[in-house]
PDB file of all heavy atoms in Angstrom:
ATOM      1  N   VAL A   1      59.448 -55.554  37.349  1.00  0.00           N
ATOM      2  CA  VAL A   1      59.906 -56.782  36.687  1.00  0.00           C
ATOM      3  C   VAL A   1      59.839 -56.604  35.170  1.00  0.00           C
ATOM      4  O   VAL A   1      60.761 -57.011  34.449  1.00  0.00           O
ATOM      5  CB  VAL A   1      59.092 -58.010  37.160  1.00  0.00           C
ATOM      6  CG1 VAL A   1      59.355 -59.221  36.277  1.00  0.00           C
ATOM      7  CG2 VAL A   1      59.419 -58.331  38.611  1.00  0.00           C
ATOM      8  N   TYR A   2      58.768 -55.987  34.684  1.00  0.00           N
ATOM      9  CA  TYR A   2      58.650 -55.756  33.239  1.00  0.00           C
ATOM     10  C   TYR A   2      59.816 -54.892  32.740  1.00  0.00           C
ATOM     11  O   TYR A   2      60.431 -55.205  31.711  1.00  0.00           O
ATOM     12  CB  TYR A   2      57.314 -55.087  32.906  1.00  0.00           C
ATOM     13  CG  TYR A   2      57.188 -54.766  31.441  1.00  0.00           C
ATOM     14  CD1 TYR A   2      56.839 -55.760  30.526  1.00  0.00           C
ATOM     15  CD2 TYR A   2      57.449 -53.495  30.955  1.00  0.00           C
ATOM     16  CE1 TYR A   2      56.755 -55.485  29.177  1.00  0.00           C
ATOM     17  CE2 TYR A   2      57.361 -53.211  29.608  1.00  0.00           C
ATOM     18  CZ  TYR A   2      57.015 -54.204  28.715  1.00  0.00           C
ATOM     19  OH  TYR A   2      56.948 -53.929  27.378  1.00  0.00           O
ATOM     20  N   CYS A   3      60.122 -53.827  33.456  1.00  0.00           N
ATOM     21  CA  CYS A   3      61.227 -52.943  33.047  1.00  0.00           C
ATOM     22  C   CYS A   3      62.562 -53.678  33.062  1.00  0.00           C
ATOM     23  O   CYS A   3      63.391 -53.503  32.171  1.00  0.00           O
ATOM     24  CB  CYS A   3      61.293 -51.719  33.958  1.00  0.00           C
ATOM     25  SG  CYS A   3      59.965 -50.531  33.702  1.00  0.00           S
ATOM     26  N   ILE A   4      62.763 -54.502  34.080  1.00  0.00           N
ATOM     27  CA  ILE A   4      64.012 -55.266  34.169  1.00  0.00           C
ATOM     28  C   ILE A   4      64.078 -56.281  33.036  1.00  0.00           C
ATOM     29  O   ILE A   4      65.103 -56.401  32.357  1.00  0.00           O
ATOM     30  CB  ILE A   4      64.127 -55.943  35.548  1.00  0.00           C
ATOM     31  CG1 ILE A   4      64.350 -54.883  36.625  1.00  0.00           C
ATOM     32  CG2 ILE A   4      65.234 -56.997  35.547  1.00  0.00           C
ATOM     33  CD1 ILE A   4      64.181 -55.380  38.039  1.00  0.00           C
ATOM     34  N   GLN A   5      62.985 -56.996  32.807  1.00  0.00           N
ATOM     35  CA  GLN A   5      62.978 -58.023  31.767  1.00  0.00           C
ATOM     36  C   GLN A   5      63.237 -57.429  30.388  1.00  0.00           C
ATOM     37  O   GLN A   5      63.928 -58.022  29.574  1.00  0.00           O
ATOM     38  CB  GLN A   5      61.653 -58.771  31.765  1.00  0.00           C
ATOM     39  CG  GLN A   5      61.619 -59.897  30.736  1.00  0.00           C
ATOM     40  CD  GLN A   5      60.305 -60.634  30.726  1.00  0.00           C
ATOM     41  OE1 GLN A   5      59.274 -60.092  31.104  1.00  0.00           O
ATOM     42  NE2 GLN A   5      60.340 -61.886  30.299  1.00  0.00           N
ATOM     43  N   THR A   6      62.687 -56.262  30.128  1.00  0.00           N
ATOM     44  CA  THR A   6      62.862 -55.635  28.815  1.00  0.00           C
ATOM     45  C   THR A   6      64.101 -54.751  28.769  1.00  0.00           C
ATOM     46  O   THR A   6      64.335 -54.079  27.769  1.00  0.00           O
ATOM     47  CB  THR A   6      61.614 -54.819  28.432  1.00  0.00           C
ATOM     48  OG1 THR A   6      61.355 -53.837  29.434  1.00  0.00           O
ATOM     49  CG2 THR A   6      60.408 -55.737  28.265  1.00  0.00           C
ATOM     50  N   MET A   7      64.883 -54.772  29.858  1.00  0.00           N
ATOM     51  CA  MET A   7      66.165 -54.076  29.963  1.00  0.00           C
ATOM     52  C   MET A   7      66.031 -52.581  29.679  1.00  0.00           C
ATOM     53  O   MET A   7      66.863 -51.983  29.006  1.00  0.00           O
ATOM     54  CB  MET A   7      67.224 -54.752  29.098  1.00  0.00           C
ATOM     55  CG  MET A   7      67.479 -56.181  29.531  1.00  0.00           C
ATOM     56  SD  MET A   7      68.769 -57.018  28.641  1.00  0.00           S
ATOM     57  CE  MET A   7      70.190 -56.298  29.443  1.00  0.00           C
ATOM     58  N   ARG A   8      64.986 -51.991  30.228  1.00  0.00           N
ATOM     59  CA  ARG A   8      64.841 -50.536  30.128  1.00  0.00           C
ATOM     60  C   ARG A   8      65.943 -49.889  30.959  1.00  0.00           C
ATOM     61  O   ARG A   8      66.403 -50.451  31.944  1.00  0.00           O
ATOM     62  CB  ARG A   8      63.475 -50.091  30.634  1.00  0.00           C
ATOM     63  CG  ARG A   8      62.357 -50.616  29.769  1.00  0.00           C
ATOM     64  CD  ARG A   8      61.063 -49.914  30.100  1.00  0.00           C
ATOM     65  NE  ARG A   8      59.947 -50.537  29.418  1.00  0.00           N
ATOM     66  CZ  ARG A   8      59.516 -50.173  28.213  1.00  0.00           C
ATOM     67  NH1 ARG A   8      60.094 -49.198  27.579  1.00  0.00           N
ATOM     68  NH2 ARG A   8      58.496 -50.786  27.664  1.00  0.00           N
ATOM     69  N   SER A   9      66.329 -48.692  30.567  1.00  0.00           N
ATOM     70  CA  SER A   9      67.371 -47.993  31.313  1.00  0.00           C
ATOM     71  C   SER A   9      66.860 -47.680  32.719  1.00  0.00           C
ATOM     72  O   SER A   9      65.655 -47.472  32.912  1.00  0.00           O
ATOM     73  CB  SER A   9      67.775 -46.707  30.597  1.00  0.00           C
ATOM     74  OG  SER A   9      66.708 -45.783  30.617  1.00  0.00           O
ATOM     75  N   PRO A  10      67.742 -47.660  33.708  1.00  0.00           N
ATOM     76  CA  PRO A  10      67.309 -47.382  35.078  1.00  0.00           C
ATOM     77  C   PRO A  10      66.589 -46.040  35.232  1.00  0.00           C
ATOM     78  O   PRO A  10      65.659 -45.934  36.016  1.00  0.00           O
ATOM     79  CB  PRO A  10      68.611 -47.405  35.883  1.00  0.00           C
ATOM     80  CG  PRO A  10      69.491 -48.319  35.109  1.00  0.00           C
ATOM     81  CD  PRO A  10      69.153 -48.050  33.663  1.00  0.00           C
ATOM     82  N   ASP A  11      66.991 -45.016  34.474  1.00  0.00           N
ATOM     83  CA  ASP A  11      66.298 -43.738  34.595  1.00  0.00           C
ATOM     84  C   ASP A  11      64.868 -43.840  34.062  1.00  0.00           C
ATOM     85  O   ASP A  11      63.937 -43.270  34.630  1.00  0.00           O
ATOM     86  CB  ASP A  11      67.062 -42.595  33.929  1.00  0.00           C
ATOM     87  CG  ASP A  11      67.386 -42.842  32.477  1.00  0.00           C
ATOM     88  OD1 ASP A  11      67.570 -44.013  32.098  1.00  0.00           O
ATOM     89  OD2 ASP A  11      67.469 -41.868  31.709  1.00  0.00           O
ATOM     90  N   THR A  12      64.652 -44.600  32.999  1.00  0.00           N
ATOM     91  CA  THR A  12      63.297 -44.826  32.483  1.00  0.00           C
ATOM     92  C   THR A  12      62.485 -45.642  33.484  1.00  0.00           C
ATOM     93  O   THR A  12      61.318 -45.335  33.749  1.00  0.00           O
ATOM     94  CB  THR A  12      63.347 -45.553  31.128  1.00  0.00           C
ATOM     95  OG1 THR A  12      64.099 -44.767  30.207  1.00  0.00           O
ATOM     96  CG2 THR A  12      61.962 -45.810  30.573  1.00  0.00           C
ATOM     97  N   THR A  13      63.104 -46.659  34.062  1.00  0.00           N
ATOM     98  CA  THR A  13      62.430 -47.480  35.069  1.00  0.00           C
ATOM     99  C   THR A  13      62.015 -46.624  36.261  1.00  0.00           C
ATOM    100  O   THR A  13      60.891 -46.736  36.751  1.00  0.00           O
ATOM    101  CB  THR A  13      63.342 -48.627  35.532  1.00  0.00           C
ATOM    102  OG1 THR A  13      63.667 -49.438  34.399  1.00  0.00           O
ATOM    103  CG2 THR A  13      62.678 -49.480  36.597  1.00  0.00           C
ATOM    104  N   MET A  14      62.908 -45.755  36.706  1.00  0.00           N
ATOM    105  CA  MET A  14      62.584 -44.903  37.840  1.00  0.00           C
ATOM    106  C   MET A  14      61.380 -44.014  37.523  1.00  0.00           C
ATOM    107  O   MET A  14      60.460 -43.899  38.328  1.00  0.00           O
ATOM    108  CB  MET A  14      63.773 -44.036  38.246  1.00  0.00           C
ATOM    109  CG  MET A  14      63.492 -43.234  39.508  1.00  0.00           C
ATOM    110  SD  MET A  14      64.919 -42.379  40.169  1.00  0.00           S
ATOM    111  CE  MET A  14      64.906 -40.909  39.170  1.00  0.00           C
ATOM    112  N   GLU A  15      61.354 -43.414  36.339  1.00  0.00           N
ATOM    113  CA  GLU A  15      60.225 -42.558  35.959  1.00  0.00           C
ATOM    114  C   GLU A  15      58.937 -43.372  35.897  1.00  0.00           C
ATOM    115  O   GLU A  15      57.884 -42.919  36.336  1.00  0.00           O
ATOM    116  CB  GLU A  15      60.493 -41.883  34.618  1.00  0.00           C
ATOM    117  CG  GLU A  15      61.507 -40.770  34.691  1.00  0.00           C
ATOM    118  CD  GLU A  15      61.114 -39.644  35.628  1.00  0.00           C
ATOM    119  OE1 GLU A  15      59.907 -39.303  35.719  1.00  0.00           O
ATOM    120  OE2 GLU A  15      62.015 -39.104  36.283  1.00  0.00           O
ATOM    121  N   TRP A  16      59.020 -44.563  35.355  1.00  0.00           N
ATOM    122  CA  TRP A  16      57.851 -45.424  35.237  1.00  0.00           C
ATOM    123  C   TRP A  16      57.295 -45.753  36.628  1.00  0.00           C
ATOM    124  O   TRP A  16      56.097 -45.648  36.882  1.00  0.00           O
ATOM    125  CB  TRP A  16      58.229 -46.703  34.506  1.00  0.00           C
ATOM    126  CG  TRP A  16      57.086 -47.590  34.107  1.00  0.00           C
ATOM    127  CD1 TRP A  16      55.955 -47.844  34.824  1.00  0.00           C
ATOM    128  CD2 TRP A  16      56.969 -48.336  32.923  1.00  0.00           C
ATOM    129  NE1 TRP A  16      55.155 -48.727  34.153  1.00  0.00           N
ATOM    130  CE2 TRP A  16      55.754 -49.042  32.973  1.00  0.00           C
ATOM    131  CE3 TRP A  16      57.784 -48.513  31.820  1.00  0.00           C
ATOM    132  CZ2 TRP A  16      55.332 -49.904  31.967  1.00  0.00           C
ATOM    133  CZ3 TRP A  16      57.364 -49.364  30.814  1.00  0.00           C
ATOM    134  CH2 TRP A  16      56.143 -50.041  30.877  1.00  0.00           C
ATOM    135  N   LEU A  17      58.180 -46.142  37.546  1.00  0.00           N
ATOM    136  CA  LEU A  17      57.742 -46.522  38.882  1.00  0.00           C
ATOM    137  C   LEU A  17      57.242 -45.315  39.681  1.00  0.00           C
ATOM    138  O   LEU A  17      56.263 -45.419  40.410  1.00  0.00           O
ATOM    139  CB  LEU A  17      58.865 -47.237  39.620  1.00  0.00           C
ATOM    140  CG  LEU A  17      59.322 -48.553  38.989  1.00  0.00           C
ATOM    141  CD1 LEU A  17      60.457 -49.165  39.792  1.00  0.00           C
ATOM    142  CD2 LEU A  17      58.179 -49.530  38.829  1.00  0.00           C
ATOM    143  N   LEU A  18      57.900 -44.185  39.531  1.00  0.00           N
ATOM    144  CA  LEU A  18      57.466 -42.989  40.247  1.00  0.00           C
ATOM    145  C   LEU A  18      56.110 -42.491  39.758  1.00  0.00           C
ATOM    146  O   LEU A  18      55.399 -41.808  40.492  1.00  0.00           O
ATOM    147  CB  LEU A  18      58.501 -41.872  40.120  1.00  0.00           C
ATOM    148  CG  LEU A  18      59.807 -42.073  40.888  1.00  0.00           C
ATOM    149  CD1 LEU A  18      60.759 -40.914  40.625  1.00  0.00           C
ATOM    150  CD2 LEU A  18      59.562 -42.250  42.380  1.00  0.00           C
ATOM    151  N   SER A  19      55.731 -42.871  38.537  1.00  0.00           N
ATOM    152  CA  SER A  19      54.438 -42.419  38.005  1.00  0.00           C
ATOM    153  C   SER A  19      53.257 -42.976  38.800  1.00  0.00           C
ATOM    154  O   SER A  19      52.137 -42.474  38.670  1.00  0.00           O
ATOM    155  CB  SER A  19      54.305 -42.794  36.524  1.00  0.00           C
ATOM    156  OG  SER A  19      54.124 -44.193  36.368  1.00  0.00           O
ATOM    157  N   HIS A  20      53.486 -43.943  39.651  1.00  0.00           N
ATOM    158  CA  HIS A  20      52.427 -44.495  40.498  1.00  0.00           C
ATOM    159  C   HIS A  20      52.138 -43.611  41.714  1.00  0.00           C
ATOM    160  O   HIS A  20      51.192 -43.869  42.443  1.00  0.00           O
ATOM    161  CB  HIS A  20      52.779 -45.906  40.974  1.00  0.00           C
ATOM    162  CG  HIS A  20      52.792 -46.918  39.882  1.00  0.00           C
ATOM    163  ND1 HIS A  20      51.657 -47.302  39.202  1.00  0.00           N
ATOM    164  CD2 HIS A  20      53.807 -47.621  39.321  1.00  0.00           C
ATOM    165  CE1 HIS A  20      51.970 -48.199  38.289  1.00  0.00           C
ATOM    166  NE2 HIS A  20      53.265 -48.412  38.340  1.00  0.00           N
ATOM    167  N   PHE A  21      52.964 -42.604  41.930  1.00  0.00           N
ATOM    168  CA  PHE A  21      52.831 -41.746  43.103  1.00  0.00           C
ATOM    169  C   PHE A  21      52.365 -40.347  42.688  1.00  0.00           C
ATOM    170  O   PHE A  21      52.616 -39.910  41.561  1.00  0.00           O
ATOM    171  CB  PHE A  21      54.175 -41.618  43.823  1.00  0.00           C
ATOM    172  CG  PHE A  21      54.694 -42.925  44.365  1.00  0.00           C
ATOM    173  CD1 PHE A  21      55.508 -43.743  43.592  1.00  0.00           C
ATOM    174  CD2 PHE A  21      54.377 -43.329  45.652  1.00  0.00           C
ATOM    175  CE1 PHE A  21      55.987 -44.943  44.090  1.00  0.00           C
ATOM    176  CE2 PHE A  21      54.852 -44.526  46.156  1.00  0.00           C
ATOM    177  CZ  PHE A  21      55.650 -45.333  45.383  1.00  0.00           C
ATOM    178  N   CYS A  22      51.741 -39.628  43.628  1.00  0.00           N
ATOM    179  CA  CYS A  22      51.344 -38.241  43.353  1.00  0.00           C
ATOM    180  C   CYS A  22      52.608 -37.380  43.237  1.00  0.00           C
ATOM    181  O   CYS A  22      53.683 -37.770  43.691  1.00  0.00           O
ATOM    182  CB  CYS A  22      50.414 -37.720  44.453  1.00  0.00           C
ATOM    183  SG  CYS A  22      51.194 -37.611  46.067  1.00  0.00           S
ATOM    184  N   PHE A  23      52.474 -36.199  42.630  1.00  0.00           N
ATOM    185  CA  PHE A  23      53.638 -35.351  42.365  1.00  0.00           C
ATOM    186  C   PHE A  23      54.469 -35.027  43.611  1.00  0.00           C
ATOM    187  O   PHE A  23      55.697 -35.167  43.566  1.00  0.00           O
ATOM    188  CB  PHE A  23      53.228 -34.059  41.646  1.00  0.00           C
ATOM    189  CG  PHE A  23      52.850 -34.288  40.208  1.00  0.00           C
ATOM    190  CD1 PHE A  23      51.614 -33.878  39.741  1.00  0.00           C
ATOM    191  CD2 PHE A  23      53.712 -34.901  39.316  1.00  0.00           C
ATOM    192  CE1 PHE A  23      51.247 -34.082  38.411  1.00  0.00           C
ATOM    193  CE2 PHE A  23      53.364 -35.120  37.996  1.00  0.00           C
ATOM    194  CZ  PHE A  23      52.124 -34.703  37.541  1.00  0.00           C
ATOM    195  N   PRO A  24      53.855 -34.618  44.733  1.00  0.00           N
ATOM    196  CA  PRO A  24      54.698 -34.341  45.910  1.00  0.00           C
ATOM    197  C   PRO A  24      55.481 -35.577  46.378  1.00  0.00           C
ATOM    198  O   PRO A  24      56.643 -35.476  46.758  1.00  0.00           O
ATOM    199  CB  PRO A  24      53.688 -33.897  46.980  1.00  0.00           C
ATOM    200  CG  PRO A  24      52.521 -33.386  46.204  1.00  0.00           C
ATOM    201  CD  PRO A  24      52.456 -34.246  44.972  1.00  0.00           C
ATOM    202  N   ALA A  25      54.855 -36.736  46.319  1.00  0.00           N
ATOM    203  CA  ALA A  25      55.546 -37.966  46.712  1.00  0.00           C
ATOM    204  C   ALA A  25      56.663 -38.293  45.723  1.00  0.00           C
ATOM    205  O   ALA A  25      57.727 -38.772  46.125  1.00  0.00           O
ATOM    206  CB  ALA A  25      54.561 -39.127  46.801  1.00  0.00           C
ATOM    207  N   GLN A  26      56.436 -38.040  44.431  1.00  0.00           N
ATOM    208  CA  GLN A  26      57.476 -38.271  43.429  1.00  0.00           C
ATOM    209  C   GLN A  26      58.718 -37.450  43.752  1.00  0.00           C
ATOM    210  O   GLN A  26      59.842 -37.953  43.683  1.00  0.00           O
ATOM    211  CB  GLN A  26      56.981 -37.905  42.032  1.00  0.00           C
ATOM    212  CG  GLN A  26      56.015 -38.875  41.430  1.00  0.00           C
ATOM    213  CD  GLN A  26      55.579 -38.469  40.030  1.00  0.00           C
ATOM    214  OE1 GLN A  26      56.248 -37.689  39.355  1.00  0.00           O
ATOM    215  NE2 GLN A  26      54.450 -38.995  39.599  1.00  0.00           N
ATOM    216  N   GLU A  27      58.512 -36.183  44.116  1.00  0.00           N
ATOM    217  CA  GLU A  27      59.641 -35.310  44.440  1.00  0.00           C
ATOM    218  C   GLU A  27      60.386 -35.831  45.663  1.00  0.00           C
ATOM    219  O   GLU A  27      61.624 -35.884  45.669  1.00  0.00           O
ATOM    220  CB  GLU A  27      59.149 -33.881  44.683  1.00  0.00           C
ATOM    221  CG  GLU A  27      58.634 -33.206  43.428  1.00  0.00           C
ATOM    222  CD  GLU A  27      57.988 -31.850  43.710  1.00  0.00           C
ATOM    223  OE1 GLU A  27      58.217 -31.283  44.796  1.00  0.00           O
ATOM    224  OE2 GLU A  27      57.246 -31.374  42.839  1.00  0.00           O
ATOM    225  N   GLN A  28      59.653 -36.237  46.691  1.00  0.00           N
ATOM    226  CA  GLN A  28      60.289 -36.760  47.898  1.00  0.00           C
ATOM    227  C   GLN A  28      61.035 -38.056  47.617  1.00  0.00           C
ATOM    228  O   GLN A  28      62.143 -38.259  48.100  1.00  0.00           O
ATOM    229  CB  GLN A  28      59.243 -36.987  48.988  1.00  0.00           C
ATOM    230  CG  GLN A  28      58.682 -35.709  49.560  1.00  0.00           C
ATOM    231  CD  GLN A  28      57.584 -35.969  50.574  1.00  0.00           C
ATOM    232  OE1 GLN A  28      56.962 -37.031  50.581  1.00  0.00           O
ATOM    233  NE2 GLN A  28      57.339 -34.990  51.430  1.00  0.00           N
ATOM    234  N   LEU A  29      60.432 -38.937  46.843  1.00  0.00           N
ATOM    235  CA  LEU A  29      61.081 -40.211  46.513  1.00  0.00           C
ATOM    236  C   LEU A  29      62.330 -39.987  45.671  1.00  0.00           C
ATOM    237  O   LEU A  29      63.350 -40.649  45.881  1.00  0.00           O
ATOM    238  CB  LEU A  29      60.103 -41.133  45.787  1.00  0.00           C
ATOM    239  CG  LEU A  29      59.033 -41.756  46.669  1.00  0.00           C
ATOM    240  CD1 LEU A  29      57.954 -42.415  45.815  1.00  0.00           C
ATOM    241  CD2 LEU A  29      59.648 -42.762  47.628  1.00  0.00           C
ATOM    242  N   THR A  30      62.255 -39.087  44.721  1.00  0.00           N
ATOM    243  CA  THR A  30      63.424 -38.781  43.896  1.00  0.00           C
ATOM    244  C   THR A  30      64.564 -38.300  44.776  1.00  0.00           C
ATOM    245  O   THR A  30      65.702 -38.744  44.625  1.00  0.00           O
ATOM    246  CB  THR A  30      63.078 -37.732  42.822  1.00  0.00           C
ATOM    247  OG1 THR A  30      62.031 -38.259  41.995  1.00  0.00           O
ATOM    248  CG2 THR A  30      64.279 -37.408  41.960  1.00  0.00           C
ATOM    249  N   GLN A  31      64.261 -37.411  45.713  1.00  0.00           N
ATOM    250  CA  GLN A  31      65.287 -36.909  46.631  1.00  0.00           C
ATOM    251  C   GLN A  31      65.832 -38.038  47.497  1.00  0.00           C
ATOM    252  O   GLN A  31      67.034 -38.153  47.681  1.00  0.00           O
ATOM    253  CB  GLN A  31      64.717 -35.792  47.512  1.00  0.00           C
ATOM    254  CG  GLN A  31      65.742 -35.175  48.436  1.00  0.00           C
ATOM    255  CD  GLN A  31      66.882 -34.522  47.679  1.00  0.00           C
ATOM    256  OE1 GLN A  31      66.667 -33.813  46.706  1.00  0.00           O
ATOM    257  NE2 GLN A  31      68.090 -34.781  48.107  1.00  0.00           N
ATOM    258  N   CYS A  32      64.967 -38.880  47.988  1.00  0.00           N
ATOM    259  CA  CYS A  32      65.384 -40.004  48.829  1.00  0.00           C
ATOM    260  C   CYS A  32      66.309 -40.941  48.051  1.00  0.00           C
ATOM    261  O   CYS A  32      67.325 -41.389  48.570  1.00  0.00           O
ATOM    262  CB  CYS A  32      64.168 -40.768  49.331  1.00  0.00           C
ATOM    263  SG  CYS A  32      64.577 -42.183  50.357  1.00  0.00           S
ATOM    264  N   LEU A  33      65.956 -41.224  46.818  1.00  0.00           N
ATOM    265  CA  LEU A  33      66.780 -42.111  45.991  1.00  0.00           C
ATOM    266  C   LEU A  33      68.128 -41.470  45.697  1.00  0.00           C
ATOM    267  O   LEU A  33      69.154 -42.147  45.666  1.00  0.00           O
ATOM    268  CB  LEU A  33      66.049 -42.469  44.699  1.00  0.00           C
ATOM    269  CG  LEU A  33      64.806 -43.337  44.883  1.00  0.00           C
ATOM    270  CD1 LEU A  33      64.040 -43.463  43.575  1.00  0.00           C
ATOM    271  CD2 LEU A  33      65.159 -44.705  45.432  1.00  0.00           C
ATOM    272  N   GLN A  34      68.140 -40.146  45.497  1.00  0.00           N
ATOM    273  CA  GLN A  34      69.408 -39.455  45.271  1.00  0.00           C
ATOM    274  C   GLN A  34      70.253 -39.475  46.532  1.00  0.00           C
ATOM    275  O   GLN A  34      71.472 -39.627  46.469  1.00  0.00           O
ATOM    276  CB  GLN A  34      69.158 -38.017  44.815  1.00  0.00           C
ATOM    277  CG  GLN A  34      68.614 -37.919  43.425  1.00  0.00           C
ATOM    278  CD  GLN A  34      68.169 -36.511  43.045  1.00  0.00           C
ATOM    279  OE1 GLN A  34      68.104 -35.617  43.886  1.00  0.00           O
ATOM    280  NE2 GLN A  34      67.853 -36.321  41.778  1.00  0.00           N
ATOM    281  N   ASP A  35      69.612 -39.312  47.704  1.00  0.00           N
ATOM    282  CA  ASP A  35      70.336 -39.360  48.968  1.00  0.00           C
ATOM    283  C   ASP A  35      70.999 -40.710  49.183  1.00  0.00           C
ATOM    284  O   ASP A  35      72.012 -40.803  49.856  1.00  0.00           O
ATOM    285  CB  ASP A  35      69.390 -39.084  50.145  1.00  0.00           C
ATOM    286  CG  ASP A  35      68.916 -37.639  50.181  1.00  0.00           C
ATOM    287  OD1 ASP A  35      69.499 -36.793  49.465  1.00  0.00           O
ATOM    288  OD2 ASP A  35      67.942 -37.360  50.914  1.00  0.00           O
ATOM    289  N   GLN A  36      70.421 -41.751  48.617  1.00  0.00           N
ATOM    290  CA  GLN A  36      70.976 -43.092  48.744  1.00  0.00           C
ATOM    291  C   GLN A  36      72.117 -43.340  47.767  1.00  0.00           C
ATOM    292  O   GLN A  36      72.640 -44.418  47.674  1.00  0.00           O
ATOM    293  CB  GLN A  36      69.878 -44.138  48.516  1.00  0.00           C
ATOM    294  CG  GLN A  36      68.769 -44.101  49.538  1.00  0.00           C
ATOM    295  CD  GLN A  36      69.262 -44.487  50.911  1.00  0.00           C
ATOM    296  OE1 GLN A  36      70.059 -45.399  51.069  1.00  0.00           O
ATOM    297  NE2 GLN A  36      68.796 -43.781  51.916  1.00  0.00           N
ATOM    298  N   LYS A  37      72.465 -42.329  46.994  1.00  0.00           N
ATOM    299  CA  LYS A  37      73.546 -42.421  46.005  1.00  0.00           C
ATOM    300  C   LYS A  37      73.257 -43.511  44.974  1.00  0.00           C
ATOM    301  O   LYS A  37      74.138 -44.193  44.501  1.00  0.00           O
ATOM    302  CB  LYS A  37      74.889 -42.683  46.667  1.00  0.00           C
ATOM    303  CG  LYS A  37      75.226 -41.731  47.791  1.00  0.00           C
ATOM    304  CD  LYS A  37      76.069 -40.596  47.315  1.00  0.00           C
ATOM    305  CE  LYS A  37      76.579 -39.744  48.450  1.00  0.00           C
ATOM    306  NZ  LYS A  37      75.685 -38.741  48.937  1.00  0.00           N
ATOM    307  N   LEU A  38      71.986 -43.665  44.641  1.00  0.00           N
ATOM    308  CA  LEU A  38      71.592 -44.643  43.645  1.00  0.00           C
ATOM    309  C   LEU A  38      71.686 -43.981  42.289  1.00  0.00           C
ATOM    310  O   LEU A  38      70.942 -43.067  41.980  1.00  0.00           O
ATOM    311  CB  LEU A  38      70.167 -45.117  43.905  1.00  0.00           C
ATOM    312  CG  LEU A  38      69.664 -46.238  43.031  1.00  0.00           C
ATOM    313  CD1 LEU A  38      70.499 -47.497  43.258  1.00  0.00           C
ATOM    314  CD2 LEU A  38      68.218 -46.525  43.349  1.00  0.00           C
ATOM    315  N   SER A  39      72.637 -44.389  41.487  1.00  0.00           N
ATOM    316  CA  SER A  39      72.854 -43.779  40.188  1.00  0.00           C
ATOM    317  C   SER A  39      71.943 -44.419  39.162  1.00  0.00           C
ATOM    318  O   SER A  39      72.092 -45.586  38.840  1.00  0.00           O
ATOM    319  CB  SER A  39      74.312 -43.961  39.759  1.00  0.00           C
ATOM    320  OG  SER A  39      74.479 -43.567  38.429  1.00  0.00           O
ATOM    321  N   CYS A  40      70.997 -43.646  38.676  1.00  0.00           N
ATOM    322  CA  CYS A  40      70.072 -44.176  37.679  1.00  0.00           C
ATOM    323  C   CYS A  40      70.481 -43.806  36.266  1.00  0.00           C
ATOM    324  O   CYS A  40      69.966 -44.329  35.313  1.00  0.00           O
ATOM    325  CB  CYS A  40      68.668 -43.655  37.942  1.00  0.00           C
ATOM    326  SG  CYS A  40      68.000 -44.309  39.462  1.00  0.00           S
ATOM    327  N   CYS A  41      71.367 -42.862  36.125  1.00  0.00           N
ATOM    328  CA  CYS A  41      71.693 -42.354  34.793  1.00  0.00           C
ATOM    329  C   CYS A  41      73.181 -42.433  34.478  1.00  0.00           C
ATOM    330  O   CYS A  41      73.592 -42.067  33.400  1.00  0.00           O
ATOM    331  CB  CYS A  41      71.251 -40.900  34.665  1.00  0.00           C
ATOM    332  SG  CYS A  41      69.540 -40.629  35.069  1.00  0.00           S
ATOM    333  N   ARG A  42      73.992 -42.877  35.446  1.00  0.00           N
ATOM    334  CA  ARG A  42      75.433 -42.853  35.254  1.00  0.00           C
ATOM    335  C   ARG A  42      75.836 -43.781  34.113  1.00  0.00           C
ATOM    336  O   ARG A  42      75.505 -44.969  34.126  1.00  0.00           O
ATOM    337  CB  ARG A  42      76.131 -43.301  36.543  1.00  0.00           C
ATOM    338  CG  ARG A  42      77.641 -43.220  36.460  1.00  0.00           C
ATOM    339  CD  ARG A  42      78.275 -43.681  37.746  1.00  0.00           C
ATOM    340  NE  ARG A  42      78.096 -45.093  38.016  1.00  0.00           N
ATOM    341  CZ  ARG A  42      78.849 -46.057  37.478  1.00  0.00           C
ATOM    342  NH1 ARG A  42      79.791 -45.765  36.619  1.00  0.00           N
ATOM    343  NH2 ARG A  42      78.632 -47.307  37.795  1.00  0.00           N
TER     344      ARG A  42
END
């Protein structure tokens, strides 16, 4: 909500949210989000 309210870019928001997970989980989540065709940087 903070990232949305302050209109941070989606790629910054994704990095911020992924920072709550351990590195292996971050990699898996990043892949999962890419598989969903969720464009964070387009």
